[in-house]
Amino acid sequence: MKKVMTIVVALLATMVVNAASVSWNSGNMSALPSYATAWQGQTMYFFLADSLAHDNSALITALSNGTAFNSFGADRSGALPGSPFFAVSGTGVDTSFAPGDYAYGYGIVFNATGDQFAISTVKQSAVFAAAGNAALALGGAASFTVYEIVPEPTSMALLALGVAAVGLRRRFRK
């Protein structure tokens, strides 16, 4: 009897949870400043978030201070194309979603020179149906904020100290 109940519970659980994916779409990104020279061809990363209230402020602060970006955990990535679409799209990794669930996510991309990055607000997907994927559109450049990357003060202080050391070494060698 216990085996039968275990099998019934397992079957019910598989009927409730589907292996589904998020169908990502960045939207038209051509409104970013200097799109053709600075952003086109760069890799955009899509990340799942826990809710619409997901807070990226710590990530934004870290990246703005020059911390290296870690793309580990990205659900999908793709290069920003040119005309006519200017949008990255594609399906992410299969994840377990129950019918009626929503996915939440955001995108991030760095410009060609690495001195700016753009990150979107967290968006909500369409509802997951009994079978299939749900679309999550980020809304294009209007949903992205561009940030400058400025090295943290300690990095600049170490760089200045190194330059001073090289200068003093040259001065005393003569």
C-alpha atoms as a PDB file:
ATOM      1  CA  MET A   1       0.000   0.000   0.000  1.00  0.00           C
ATOM      2  CA  LYS A   2       2.870   2.402   0.813  1.00  0.00           C
ATOM      3  CA  LYS A   3       4.442   1.737  -2.570  1.00  0.00           C
ATOM      4  CA  VAL A   4       1.173   2.483  -4.373  1.00  0.00           C
ATOM      5  CA  MET A   5       0.732   5.741  -2.442  1.00  0.00           C
ATOM      6  CA  THR A   6       4.321   6.752  -3.207  1.00  0.00           C
ATOM      7  CA  ILE A   7       3.773   6.119  -6.913  1.00  0.00           C
ATOM      8  CA  VAL A   8       0.506   8.076  -6.915  1.00  0.00           C
ATOM      9  CA  VAL A   9       2.155  11.045  -5.170  1.00  0.00           C
ATOM     10  CA  ALA A  10       5.079  10.962  -7.609  1.00  0.00           C
ATOM     11  CA  LEU A  11       2.700  10.914 -10.589  1.00  0.00           C
ATOM     12  CA  LEU A  12       0.689  13.813  -9.216  1.00  0.00           C
ATOM     13  CA  ALA A  13       3.853  15.817  -8.603  1.00  0.00           C
ATOM     14  CA  THR A  14       5.033  15.311 -12.182  1.00  0.00           C
ATOM     15  CA  MET A  15       1.663  16.410 -13.496  1.00  0.00           C
ATOM     16  CA  VAL A  16       1.784  19.633 -11.465  1.00  0.00           C
ATOM     17  CA  VAL A  17       5.382  20.695 -12.250  1.00  0.00           C
ATOM     18  CA  ASN A  18       6.553  21.052 -15.850  1.00  0.00           C
ATOM     19  CA  ALA A  19      10.019  21.346 -17.237  1.00  0.00           C
ATOM     20  CA  ALA A  20       9.651  24.658 -19.016  1.00  0.00           C
ATOM     21  CA  SER A  21      11.853  27.509 -20.140  1.00  0.00           C
ATOM     22  CA  VAL A  22      11.710  31.245 -20.331  1.00  0.00           C
ATOM     23  CA  SER A  23      11.626  32.647 -23.859  1.00  0.00           C
ATOM     24  CA  TRP A  24      13.743  35.793 -23.443  1.00  0.00           C
ATOM     25  CA  ASN A  25      13.576  38.937 -25.570  1.00  0.00           C
ATOM     26  CA  SER A  26      15.592  42.075 -24.834  1.00  0.00           C
ATOM     27  CA  GLY A  27      13.487  44.337 -27.020  1.00  0.00           C
ATOM     28  CA  ASN A  28      14.925  46.972 -29.357  1.00  0.00           C
ATOM     29  CA  MET A  29      18.207  48.169 -27.857  1.00  0.00           C
ATOM     30  CA  SER A  30      19.189  50.642 -30.604  1.00  0.00           C
ATOM     31  CA  ALA A  31      18.303  53.660 -28.417  1.00  0.00           C
ATOM     32  CA  LEU A  32      21.342  53.034 -26.186  1.00  0.00           C
ATOM     33  CA  PRO A  33      23.937  55.802 -26.680  1.00  0.00           C
ATOM     34  CA  SER A  34      26.272  55.087 -29.642  1.00  0.00           C
ATOM     35  CA  TYR A  35      24.588  51.711 -30.181  1.00  0.00           C
ATOM     36  CA  ALA A  36      26.332  50.774 -33.441  1.00  0.00           C
ATOM     37  CA  THR A  37      29.860  51.450 -32.170  1.00  0.00           C
ATOM     38  CA  ALA A  38      29.591  50.745 -28.436  1.00  0.00           C
ATOM     39  CA  TRP A  39      26.903  48.103 -27.867  1.00  0.00           C
ATOM     40  CA  GLN A  40      26.178  46.182 -31.079  1.00  0.00           C
ATOM     41  CA  GLY A  41      27.829  42.754 -31.040  1.00  0.00           C
ATOM     42  CA  GLN A  42      28.264  42.738 -27.251  1.00  0.00           C
ATOM     43  CA  THR A  43      26.930  39.810 -25.201  1.00  0.00           C
ATOM     44  CA  MET A  44      23.756  40.333 -23.198  1.00  0.00           C
ATOM     45  CA  TYR A  45      23.191  38.067 -20.212  1.00  0.00           C
ATOM     46  CA  PHE A  46      19.717  37.149 -18.946  1.00  0.00           C
ATOM     47  CA  PHE A  47      19.217  36.204 -15.294  1.00  0.00           C
ATOM     48  CA  LEU A  48      16.215  34.803 -13.464  1.00  0.00           C
ATOM     49  CA  ALA A  49      15.214  36.658 -10.292  1.00  0.00           C
ATOM     50  CA  ASP A  50      13.170  35.551  -7.290  1.00  0.00           C
ATOM     51  CA  SER A  51      10.440  38.205  -7.634  1.00  0.00           C
ATOM     52  CA  LEU A  52       9.586  41.616  -9.085  1.00  0.00           C
ATOM     53  CA  ALA A  53      10.963  43.086  -5.860  1.00  0.00           C
ATOM     54  CA  HIS A  54      14.439  41.647  -6.612  1.00  0.00           C
ATOM     55  CA  ASP A  55      17.039  44.293  -5.724  1.00  0.00           C
ATOM     56  CA  ASN A  56      20.074  44.719  -7.995  1.00  0.00           C
ATOM     57  CA  SER A  57      21.547  47.695  -6.120  1.00  0.00           C
ATOM     58  CA  ALA A  58      24.465  45.696  -4.660  1.00  0.00           C
ATOM     59  CA  LEU A  59      25.304  44.324  -8.127  1.00  0.00           C
ATOM     60  CA  ILE A  60      25.104  47.807  -9.655  1.00  0.00           C
ATOM     61  CA  THR A  61      27.375  49.252  -6.943  1.00  0.00           C
ATOM     62  CA  ALA A  62      29.908  46.439  -7.309  1.00  0.00           C
ATOM     63  CA  LEU A  63      30.049  46.710 -11.106  1.00  0.00           C
ATOM     64  CA  SER A  64      30.197  50.520 -11.002  1.00  0.00           C
ATOM     65  CA  ASN A  65      33.218  50.222  -8.686  1.00  0.00           C
ATOM     66  CA  GLY A  66      35.033  48.021 -11.176  1.00  0.00           C
ATOM     67  CA  THR A  67      34.339  44.570  -9.690  1.00  0.00           C
ATOM     68  CA  ALA A  68      34.684  41.853 -12.334  1.00  0.00           C
ATOM     69  CA  PHE A  69      31.375  40.581 -13.728  1.00  0.00           C
ATOM     70  CA  ASN A  70      30.529  36.918 -13.139  1.00  0.00           C
ATOM     71  CA  SER A  71      28.129  35.518 -15.739  1.00  0.00           C
ATOM     72  CA  PHE A  72      27.748  32.237 -13.813  1.00  0.00           C
ATOM     73  CA  GLY A  73      24.071  31.448 -13.381  1.00  0.00           C
ATOM     74  CA  ALA A  74      22.905  33.281 -16.489  1.00  0.00           C
ATOM     75  CA  ASP A  75      19.809  31.618 -17.936  1.00  0.00           C
ATOM     76  CA  ARG A  76      20.690  32.707 -21.471  1.00  0.00           C
ATOM     77  CA  SER A  77      23.138  34.938 -23.303  1.00  0.00           C
ATOM     78  CA  GLY A  78      23.419  36.273 -26.820  1.00  0.00           C
ATOM     79  CA  ALA A  79      25.083  38.984 -28.889  1.00  0.00           C
ATOM     80  CA  LEU A  80      23.203  42.218 -29.606  1.00  0.00           C
ATOM     81  CA  PRO A  81      22.496  42.241 -33.354  1.00  0.00           C
ATOM     82  CA  GLY A  82      22.190  45.071 -35.816  1.00  0.00           C
ATOM     83  CA  SER A  83      19.375  45.991 -38.167  1.00  0.00           C
ATOM     84  CA  PRO A  84      16.501  45.230 -38.500  1.00  0.00           C
ATOM     85  CA  PHE A  85      15.724  43.883 -35.015  1.00  0.00           C
ATOM     86  CA  PHE A  86      18.366  45.210 -32.583  1.00  0.00           C
ATOM     87  CA  ALA A  87      17.136  42.618 -30.029  1.00  0.00           C
ATOM     88  CA  VAL A  88      18.481  39.433 -28.468  1.00  0.00           C
ATOM     89  CA  SER A  89      16.020  36.586 -28.077  1.00  0.00           C
ATOM     90  CA  GLY A  90      16.113  32.892 -27.304  1.00  0.00           C
ATOM     91  CA  THR A  91      15.059  30.198 -24.894  1.00  0.00           C
ATOM     92  CA  GLY A  92      16.745  29.731 -21.555  1.00  0.00           C
ATOM     93  CA  VAL A  93      17.604  26.593 -19.633  1.00  0.00           C
ATOM     94  CA  ASP A  94      14.771  24.225 -18.679  1.00  0.00           C
ATOM     95  CA  THR A  95      13.557  24.969 -15.179  1.00  0.00           C
ATOM     96  CA  SER A  96      10.661  23.601 -13.147  1.00  0.00           C
ATOM     97  CA  PHE A  97       7.616  25.858 -13.256  1.00  0.00           C
ATOM     98  CA  ALA A  98       4.102  24.939 -12.184  1.00  0.00           C
ATOM     99  CA  PRO A  99       1.130  26.023 -14.305  1.00  0.00           C
ATOM    100  CA  GLY A 100       0.143  29.504 -13.187  1.00  0.00           C
ATOM    101  CA  ASP A 101       3.709  30.455 -12.167  1.00  0.00           C
ATOM    102  CA  TYR A 102       5.523  33.517 -13.432  1.00  0.00           C
ATOM    103  CA  ALA A 103       9.219  33.964 -14.101  1.00  0.00           C
ATOM    104  CA  TYR A 104      11.052  37.160 -13.167  1.00  0.00           C
ATOM    105  CA  GLY A 105      14.262  38.322 -14.734  1.00  0.00           C
ATOM    106  CA  TYR A 106      16.601  41.051 -15.905  1.00  0.00           C
ATOM    107  CA  GLY A 107      19.325  41.577 -18.492  1.00  0.00           C
ATOM    108  CA  ILE A 108      22.794  43.064 -18.367  1.00  0.00           C
ATOM    109  CA  VAL A 109      25.249  44.047 -21.127  1.00  0.00           C
ATOM    110  CA  PHE A 110      28.642  45.795 -21.192  1.00  0.00           C
ATOM    111  CA  ASN A 111      29.743  48.190 -23.936  1.00  0.00           C
ATOM    112  CA  ALA A 112      32.702  47.447 -26.228  1.00  0.00           C
ATOM    113  CA  THR A 113      35.214  49.533 -24.257  1.00  0.00           C
ATOM    114  CA  GLY A 114      34.130  48.096 -20.896  1.00  0.00           C
ATOM    115  CA  ASP A 115      33.621  51.487 -19.260  1.00  0.00           C
ATOM    116  CA  GLN A 116      29.802  51.264 -19.169  1.00  0.00           C
ATOM    117  CA  PHE A 117      27.151  48.652 -18.536  1.00  0.00           C
ATOM    118  CA  ALA A 118      23.386  48.652 -18.947  1.00  0.00           C
ATOM    119  CA  ILE A 119      21.049  46.711 -16.675  1.00  0.00           C
ATOM    120  CA  SER A 120      17.294  46.354 -17.009  1.00  0.00           C
ATOM    121  CA  THR A 121      14.625  46.602 -14.403  1.00  0.00           C
ATOM    122  CA  VAL A 122      13.239  43.253 -13.246  1.00  0.00           C
ATOM    123  CA  LYS A 123      10.353  42.175 -15.468  1.00  0.00           C
ATOM    124  CA  GLN A 124       7.641  39.516 -15.157  1.00  0.00           C
ATOM    125  CA  SER A 125       6.965  36.826 -17.751  1.00  0.00           C
ATOM    126  CA  ALA A 126       3.667  35.700 -19.142  1.00  0.00           C
ATOM    127  CA  VAL A 127       2.001  33.004 -17.051  1.00  0.00           C
ATOM    128  CA  PHE A 128       3.208  29.435 -17.549  1.00  0.00           C
ATOM    129  CA  ALA A 129       0.486  27.230 -19.017  1.00  0.00           C
ATOM    130  CA  ALA A 130       0.064  23.499 -18.427  1.00  0.00           C
ATOM    131  CA  ALA A 131       2.717  22.847 -21.061  1.00  0.00           C
ATOM    132  CA  GLY A 132       5.270  25.036 -22.759  1.00  0.00           C
ATOM    133  CA  ASN A 133       7.400  28.074 -22.227  1.00  0.00           C
ATOM    134  CA  ALA A 134       6.538  31.579 -21.068  1.00  0.00           C
ATOM    135  CA  ALA A 135       7.748  34.760 -22.763  1.00  0.00           C
ATOM    136  CA  LEU A 136       9.676  37.373 -20.798  1.00  0.00           C
ATOM    137  CA  ALA A 137      10.200  40.634 -22.699  1.00  0.00           C
ATOM    138  CA  LEU A 138      12.536  43.183 -21.113  1.00  0.00           C
ATOM    139  CA  GLY A 139      11.121  46.143 -23.027  1.00  0.00           C
ATOM    140  CA  GLY A 140      14.148  47.387 -24.952  1.00  0.00           C
ATOM    141  CA  ALA A 141      16.492  50.265 -24.207  1.00  0.00           C
ATOM    142  CA  ALA A 142      13.809  52.199 -22.297  1.00  0.00           C
ATOM    143  CA  SER A 143      13.923  49.555 -19.527  1.00  0.00           C
ATOM    144  CA  PHE A 144      17.719  49.686 -19.235  1.00  0.00           C
ATOM    145  CA  THR A 145      19.800  52.157 -17.231  1.00  0.00           C
ATOM    146  CA  VAL A 146      23.384  52.820 -18.332  1.00  0.00           C
ATOM    147  CA  TYR A 147      26.029  53.086 -15.599  1.00  0.00           C
ATOM    148  CA  GLU A 148      29.649  54.229 -15.756  1.00  0.00           C
ATOM    149  CA  ILE A 149      32.342  51.913 -14.423  1.00  0.00           C
ATOM    150  CA  VAL A 150      34.700  53.841 -12.164  1.00  0.00           C
ATOM    151  CA  PRO A 151      37.460  51.889 -10.413  1.00  0.00           C
ATOM    152  CA  GLU A 152      37.176  51.863  -6.646  1.00  0.00           C
ATOM    153  CA  PRO A 153      39.422  54.347  -4.791  1.00  0.00           C
ATOM    154  CA  THR A 154      41.748  51.680  -3.389  1.00  0.00           C
ATOM    155  CA  SER A 155      42.555  50.481  -6.910  1.00  0.00           C
ATOM    156  CA  MET A 156      43.368  54.024  -7.956  1.00  0.00           C
ATOM    157  CA  ALA A 157      45.503  54.522  -4.820  1.00  0.00           C
ATOM    158  CA  LEU A 158      47.478  51.341  -5.556  1.00  0.00           C
ATOM    159  CA  LEU A 159      47.967  52.431  -9.154  1.00  0.00           C
ATOM    160  CA  ALA A 160      49.224  55.853  -8.016  1.00  0.00           C
ATOM    161  CA  LEU A 161      51.545  54.193  -5.501  1.00  0.00           C
ATOM    162  CA  GLY A 162      52.972  51.973  -8.249  1.00  0.00           C
ATOM    163  CA  VAL A 163      53.575  54.935 -10.564  1.00  0.00           C
ATOM    164  CA  ALA A 164      55.260  56.841  -7.715  1.00  0.00           C
ATOM    165  CA  ALA A 165      57.488  53.864  -6.948  1.00  0.00           C
ATOM    166  CA  VAL A 166      58.557  53.598 -10.599  1.00  0.00           C
ATOM    167  CA  GLY A 167      59.254  57.347 -10.674  1.00  0.00           C
ATOM    168  CA  LEU A 168      61.345  57.239  -7.485  1.00  0.00           C
ATOM    169  CA  ARG A 169      63.259  54.223  -8.715  1.00  0.00           C
ATOM    170  CA  ARG A 170      64.160  55.992 -11.935  1.00  0.00           C
ATOM    171  CA  ARG A 171      65.158  59.132 -10.040  1.00  0.00           C
ATOM    172  CA  PHE A 172      67.536  57.295  -7.714  1.00  0.00           C
ATOM    173  CA  ARG A 173      69.060  55.203 -10.497  1.00  0.00           C
ATOM    174  CA  LYS A 174      70.492  58.261 -12.258  1.00  0.00           C
END
